[in-house]
Amino acid sequence: MKIEVNGRERDVPEGASLHDFILGTGVKPEGVIAELNRRVMGRDLWKETLLSSGDSLELVSLVGGG
């Protein structure tokens, strides 16, 4: 199925969770904020949130430094 991630179309396996998808991107989950269909998703919801065709996902990685 296809979803939009940060403005780009991506193929995602049927039944993939938000958690699965984020792990598959290779980014560290603890430094990511996820907004699914304009709703910020708490990290505690990632495993139970299944992605659906047409979803719009925004992922923002936090960068620290001084």
Foldseek 3Di string as FASTA:
>chain_A
DWEAEQRRIDDDDFFDFQVNVVVVVVDDVVQKWKAKQNRTDDPVCRVVHGDDPHIYMYIDGDDDDD
